[in-house]
Protein backbone atom coordinates (compact mmCIF):
# COMPACT_ATOMS: atom_id res chain seq x y z
CA MET A 1 121.04 93.08 135.26
CA SER A 2 121.15 91.58 130.85
CA TYR A 3 120.01 93.31 128.27
CA VAL A 4 119.49 92.60 124.55
CA LEU A 5 119.11 94.86 121.23
CA GLY A 6 116.62 94.59 118.61
CA ILE A 7 117.32 96.60 115.67
CA ASP A 8 114.03 96.75 112.74
CA GLY A 9 116.46 98.19 109.93
CA GLY A 10 114.69 98.78 107.03
CA GLY A 11 114.90 101.01 103.85
CA SER A 12 113.32 104.23 104.87
CA LYS A 13 115.24 104.19 108.66
CA THR A 14 116.24 101.64 111.38
CA VAL A 15 114.60 101.61 115.07
CA CYS A 16 116.94 100.16 117.93
CA VAL A 17 115.13 99.02 121.18
CA LEU A 18 117.29 98.22 124.02
CA MET A 19 115.51 95.98 126.34
CA ASP A 20 116.01 93.96 129.73
CA ASP A 21 115.30 90.21 130.96
CA LEU A 22 111.71 91.15 131.79
CA ARG A 23 111.46 92.32 128.12
CA ARG A 24 111.12 96.03 129.18
CA VAL A 25 112.14 98.65 126.20
CA LEU A 26 114.78 100.59 128.55
CA GLY A 27 115.46 102.88 125.87
CA ARG A 28 114.54 103.52 121.55
CA GLY A 29 116.64 104.88 118.73
CA GLU A 30 115.84 106.05 115.14
CA ALA A 31 118.37 106.59 112.06
CA GLY A 32 118.54 106.11 108.85
CA SER A 33 117.82 103.95 105.93
CA SER A 34 120.14 100.33 107.10
CA ASN A 35 119.39 98.37 103.71
CA TYR A 36 123.03 97.21 102.85
CA GLN A 37 121.56 96.38 99.35
CA THR A 38 120.91 99.97 98.12
CA ILE A 39 123.09 102.02 100.57
CA GLY A 40 126.35 100.10 100.72
CA ILE A 41 127.59 97.98 104.44
CA GLU A 42 129.18 100.66 105.65
CA ALA A 43 126.49 103.37 105.57
CA THR A 44 124.49 100.22 107.34
CA LEU A 45 127.02 99.88 109.96
CA GLN A 46 126.89 103.87 110.53
CA SER A 47 122.96 104.11 110.69
CA ILE A 48 122.54 100.79 112.98
CA GLN A 49 125.22 102.17 115.36
CA SER A 50 123.72 105.40 115.16
CA ALA A 51 120.26 103.74 116.18
CA ILE A 52 122.05 101.79 119.14
CA HIS A 53 123.67 104.59 120.34
CA ASN A 54 120.42 106.71 120.41
CA ALA A 55 118.61 103.96 122.22
CA ILE A 56 121.54 103.44 125.08
CA GLU A 57 121.62 107.38 125.30
CA ALA A 58 117.22 107.47 126.12
CA ALA A 59 117.63 104.69 128.26
CA ILE A 60 119.63 107.17 130.65
CA ILE A 61 121.67 104.19 131.82
CA THR A 62 124.88 105.21 133.91
CA ASN A 63 126.84 101.89 134.30
CA THR A 64 128.03 99.67 131.58
CA VAL A 65 125.61 97.85 129.38
CA ASN A 66 126.21 94.19 129.20
CA ILE A 67 125.09 93.32 125.40
CA ASP A 68 124.05 89.47 125.96
CA ALA A 69 121.31 89.05 122.68
CA ILE A 70 121.07 90.71 119.35
CA CYS A 71 118.68 90.38 117.33
CA MET A 72 118.87 92.26 113.45
CA GLY A 73 116.02 92.35 111.26
CA LEU A 74 116.83 93.64 108.03
CA ALA A 75 115.16 94.88 104.65
CA GLY A 76 116.65 92.58 101.97
CA VAL A 77 117.79 89.78 103.68
CA GLY A 78 116.97 86.32 103.04
CA ARG A 79 119.45 84.20 101.20
CA ALA A 80 122.36 82.53 103.11
CA ALA A 81 124.94 84.67 100.91
CA ASP A 82 123.47 88.30 102.80
CA ILE A 83 123.28 86.56 106.20
CA GLU A 84 127.21 85.86 105.36
CA VAL A 85 127.64 89.75 104.99
CA VAL A 86 125.73 90.44 107.87
CA LYS A 87 127.87 88.21 109.95
CA VAL A 88 130.80 90.53 109.08
CA LEU A 89 128.80 93.51 110.20
CA VAL A 90 127.87 92.56 113.87
CA LYS A 91 131.71 91.91 114.12
CA LYS A 92 132.08 95.44 113.18
CA LEU A 93 129.58 96.32 115.77
CA GLN A 94 131.78 94.47 118.39
CA ASN A 95 135.34 95.96 117.40
CA ASN A 96 133.74 99.37 117.70
CA LYS A 97 133.80 100.76 121.36
CA TYR A 98 130.38 102.01 122.59
CA MET A 99 130.70 104.52 125.89
CA LEU A 100 128.78 102.41 128.35
CA ILE A 101 128.50 99.13 126.19
CA ASN A 102 130.35 95.89 126.89
CA TRP A 103 129.45 93.05 123.74
CA ALA A 104 129.37 89.88 125.20
CA LEU A 105 127.75 88.08 122.70
CA GLN A 106 127.87 84.67 121.53
CA PRO A 107 127.30 82.98 118.31
CA ALA A 108 123.94 81.47 119.36
CA ASN A 109 123.05 84.77 120.36
CA ILE A 110 123.30 86.55 117.75
CA VAL A 111 120.28 86.21 115.52
CA ILE A 112 120.13 87.22 111.94
CA CYS A 113 116.82 87.42 109.74
CA ASN A 114 114.58 89.32 107.04
CA ASP A 115 112.21 92.03 108.56
CA ALA A 116 109.27 90.05 108.01
CA PHE A 117 109.69 87.37 110.38
CA ILE A 118 110.44 90.57 113.65
CA ALA A 119 107.14 91.96 112.52
CA LEU A 120 105.51 88.80 113.01
CA VAL A 121 107.02 88.16 116.15
CA GLY A 122 106.69 91.97 117.27
CA GLY A 123 103.34 92.02 115.79
CA ILE A 124 101.45 89.19 117.61
CA GLY A 125 104.13 88.98 120.61
CA GLN A 126 105.17 85.41 120.14
CA PRO A 127 106.59 84.04 117.12
CA VAL A 128 104.06 81.48 115.53
CA GLY A 129 101.53 82.77 113.02
CA ILE A 130 101.18 85.00 109.70
CA VAL A 131 102.40 88.38 109.05
CA VAL A 132 100.70 90.24 105.96
CA ALA A 133 102.42 93.05 105.43
CA ALA A 134 101.18 95.54 102.70
CA GLY A 135 102.93 99.19 102.77
CA THR A 136 105.13 100.06 99.08
CA GLY A 137 105.75 96.54 99.01
CA SER A 138 103.79 93.53 99.52
CA ILE A 139 104.77 90.14 101.68
CA VAL A 140 103.14 87.34 103.89
CA PHE A 141 105.80 85.34 106.15
CA GLY A 142 104.19 82.57 108.20
CA ARG A 143 105.66 80.41 110.94
CA ASN A 144 104.07 77.40 112.80
CA HIS A 145 104.69 76.11 116.40
CA GLN A 146 107.48 73.04 114.52
CA GLY A 147 109.93 76.47 113.32
CA ASP A 148 107.90 75.92 110.15
CA THR A 149 108.12 78.69 107.81
CA LYS A 150 106.46 80.00 104.67
CA ARG A 151 107.29 82.78 102.91
CA VAL A 152 105.13 84.18 100.00
CA GLY A 153 105.70 87.12 97.86
CA GLY A 154 108.33 89.89 98.27
CA TRP A 155 109.27 89.92 94.96
CA GLY A 156 109.37 94.05 94.29
CA TYR A 157 107.95 95.94 92.29
CA ILE A 158 108.87 94.61 89.04
CA LEU A 159 108.25 90.68 89.90
CA GLY A 160 105.78 90.73 92.42
CA ASP A 161 103.65 92.83 95.72
CA GLU A 162 100.61 92.21 94.74
CA GLY A 163 98.13 94.20 96.71
CA SER A 164 100.85 96.93 97.95
CA ALA A 165 100.22 100.75 97.64
CA TYR A 166 102.28 100.49 94.29
CA LYS A 167 100.79 98.26 92.13
CA ILE A 168 96.78 99.89 93.53
CA ALA A 169 98.60 103.03 92.21
CA ILE A 170 99.80 102.08 89.11
CA ALA A 171 96.32 100.10 88.46
CA GLY A 172 94.41 103.21 89.30
CA MET A 173 96.17 105.56 86.84
CA ASN A 174 96.25 102.72 84.31
CA ALA A 175 92.15 102.84 84.76
CA ALA A 176 91.85 106.00 84.82
CA LEU A 177 94.10 106.61 81.52
CA LYS A 178 92.19 103.72 79.64
CA SER A 179 88.82 105.35 81.12
CA TYR A 180 90.17 109.07 79.10
CA ASP A 181 91.18 106.91 75.85
CA GLY A 182 86.91 105.14 76.17
CA ARG A 183 88.57 101.78 76.41
CA GLU A 184 87.02 101.54 79.87
CA MET A 185 84.15 102.69 82.07
CA SER A 186 84.31 106.17 83.20
CA THR A 187 85.92 107.20 86.84
CA SER A 188 86.29 109.59 88.57
CA LEU A 189 89.76 109.15 89.03
CA VAL A 190 90.90 110.73 86.32
CA GLU A 191 89.66 114.13 87.82
CA ALA A 192 91.34 112.79 91.31
CA PHE A 193 94.73 112.63 89.64
CA LYS A 194 94.34 115.74 87.72
CA GLN A 195 93.52 117.73 91.18
CA HIS A 196 96.37 115.25 93.84
CA LEU A 197 98.97 116.54 91.13
CA GLY A 198 97.79 119.79 89.96
CA LEU A 199 97.50 118.87 86.26
CA GLU A 200 95.80 120.60 83.27
CA ASN A 201 95.25 117.51 81.86
CA ILE A 202 95.74 113.81 82.73
CA GLU A 203 97.77 113.24 79.52
CA ASP A 204 100.30 114.92 81.75
CA LEU A 205 100.94 112.02 84.03
CA ILE A 206 103.30 111.37 80.98
CA GLU A 207 105.34 113.98 82.32
CA VAL A 208 104.97 113.72 85.74
CA ILE A 209 105.87 109.41 85.96
CA TYR A 210 108.23 109.15 82.86
CA ARG A 211 110.04 112.71 83.56
CA GLY A 212 109.49 113.62 86.59
CA GLU A 213 111.89 110.35 87.64
CA TRP A 214 110.07 109.31 90.16
CA ARG A 215 111.12 106.17 92.07
CA VAL A 216 108.50 103.69 93.32
CA LYS A 217 107.89 105.41 97.29
CA GLN A 218 106.46 108.40 95.13
CA ILE A 219 104.41 106.80 93.11
CA ALA A 220 103.29 104.13 95.94
CA ALA A 221 101.83 107.08 97.89
CA LEU A 222 99.40 107.47 94.95
CA ALA A 223 97.89 104.40 96.46
CA LEU A 224 95.58 107.06 98.39
CA VAL A 225 93.95 108.83 95.19
CA VAL A 226 92.38 105.13 94.50
CA ASP A 227 91.56 104.33 98.36
CA PHE A 228 89.56 107.99 98.63
CA ALA A 229 87.74 107.59 95.23
CA ALA A 230 86.72 103.84 96.11
CA ALA A 231 85.54 104.85 99.36
CA SER A 232 83.62 108.00 97.42
CA GLY A 233 81.83 105.12 95.96
CA ASP A 234 83.96 104.93 92.59
CA ILE A 235 83.35 101.83 91.21
CA VAL A 236 86.46 101.28 89.10
CA ALA A 237 88.69 101.96 92.08
CA ASN A 238 86.64 99.43 94.34
CA ILE A 239 86.93 97.47 91.62
CA ILE A 240 91.27 97.49 92.20
CA ILE A 241 91.21 97.55 96.26
CA ASP A 242 88.56 93.93 95.52
CA ASP A 243 91.01 92.44 93.01
CA ALA A 244 94.49 93.35 95.93
CA VAL A 245 92.30 92.32 98.66
CA LYS A 246 91.98 88.71 96.47
CA GLU A 247 95.90 88.55 95.75
CA LEU A 248 96.38 89.38 99.93
CA VAL A 249 94.08 86.82 100.46
CA LYS A 250 95.30 84.06 98.17
CA ALA A 251 99.06 84.83 99.41
CA THR A 252 97.72 84.29 102.85
CA SER A 253 95.76 81.22 102.14
CA THR A 254 99.17 79.24 100.00
CA VAL A 255 101.14 80.35 103.77
CA ILE A 256 98.47 78.57 105.61
CA ASP A 257 97.48 75.72 103.33
CA ALA A 258 101.69 75.29 104.08
CA ILE A 259 102.30 74.95 107.37
CA PHE A 260 98.96 75.12 109.04
CA SER A 261 95.88 73.11 109.18
CA ALA A 262 93.02 74.62 107.89
CA ASP A 263 90.86 74.97 111.32
CA SER A 264 93.86 76.14 113.05
CA ALA A 265 93.60 78.62 115.40
CA LEU A 266 95.92 81.08 114.44
CA GLU A 267 96.14 85.26 114.21
CA VAL A 268 97.30 86.72 111.29
CA VAL A 269 98.65 90.60 111.78
CA THR A 270 98.39 92.53 109.18
CA THR A 271 100.67 95.93 108.84
CA GLY A 272 102.14 98.57 106.16
CA SER A 273 100.44 101.65 105.01
CA VAL A 274 97.74 99.77 102.93
CA TRP A 275 95.67 98.75 105.72
CA ARG A 276 95.20 102.33 107.13
CA GLY A 277 92.68 103.36 103.92
CA ARG A 278 89.54 104.30 103.91
CA CYS A 279 87.66 101.95 101.83
CA LYS A 280 87.67 99.23 104.52
CA ILE A 281 90.34 97.63 102.90
CA HIS A 282 90.95 95.65 106.20
CA GLU A 283 87.87 94.68 106.85
CA ARG A 284 87.83 93.11 103.42
CA PHE A 285 90.36 91.65 103.81
CA SER A 286 89.48 90.17 107.54
CA ALA A 287 85.84 88.91 106.03
CA SER A 288 87.12 86.88 102.87
CA LEU A 289 89.61 85.35 104.76
CA ILE A 290 87.70 84.36 107.45
CA LYS A 291 85.58 83.06 105.55
CA LYS A 292 87.90 80.75 104.16
CA PHE A 293 89.46 79.99 107.31
CA PRO A 294 86.87 80.48 110.42
CA ASN A 295 89.20 80.02 113.19
CA VAL A 296 91.75 82.84 111.75
CA ASN A 297 91.99 86.50 113.73
CA VAL A 298 93.39 89.37 111.95
CA ILE A 299 94.81 91.97 113.86
CA PHE A 300 96.39 95.15 113.97
CA PRO A 301 100.13 95.07 115.32
CA ARG A 302 99.93 94.82 119.17
CA TYR A 303 104.42 95.86 119.39
CA GLU A 304 106.52 97.32 116.36
CA PRO A 305 109.06 95.37 114.49
CA ALA A 306 111.83 96.26 116.77
CA TYR A 307 110.44 94.54 120.15
CA GLY A 308 109.99 91.75 118.31
CA ALA A 309 113.31 91.47 116.87
CA GLY A 310 114.17 92.66 120.97
CA LEU A 311 111.84 89.16 121.49
CA LEU A 312 113.73 87.28 119.46
CA ALA A 313 117.70 88.16 121.24
CA LEU A 314 115.80 87.14 124.45
CA GLN A 315 114.71 83.56 123.54
CA THR A 316 118.43 82.91 122.62
CA THR A 317 119.41 83.86 126.47
CA GLN A 318 116.39 82.15 128.07
CA ASN A 319 117.59 78.63 125.73
């Protein structure tokens, strides 16, 4: 029996699955962050090693496991320079003597890609289609049957991330402050942010955001306030959600126009926290996109990204 490893390395956690050649997951392990651009290569290596160890341990296999292929889908890996760094990391992995692991990797059986690709493969179950990831940040990535790919967005919270939880939260707070000033229409977001954050006055947002040293993920979590307000019928909150939908539809349409035909029958998988909101943002996005492209099917993920990485690893052993 041969085995492969599929690794999903993100900014908050690393997930590894051990799969056999029948596409069965035999073990799954988790560890900390593996975004080397934020935590460094050695800390990334440690997280990946721990995730692999935990996956092998969970499989309860007593014989030596021959790892014939590995796919690592890592956050922040999109340039050629990034891939070279990760290749060094893979060599370090192979040089470590894991109990019950025999590394049998060949260069052709090592796949290094960004996390959007494995989210696409895992979400749909094959490497063809589009993934629209909208969580703390946002990115749209597609791949057609010819192997052509197109990425839109993913430029980070300062330069991009339209339609993300971060941008929704910022727009919500901005609208609340404009309403408080009298520059824009009245909105329940003023009271909603006050209650959620325990503020006596909306002006105290200054203290929370600027002096509280809030990071991107903490701010992005405030998108829930906008989501709840929109679900309750607040006009301003719904405008913000509609704007987010427009941006995500525009990005997805750009991918379709670039590598698919307008009448293509394809699946679009949506991943990330934004899609789980109460304001039916998923339904709004789906209806708007299908209006432009009637043959598109918008779905939630069938499998997790790490499973997608495993499928890509298996693909190298079958070629």
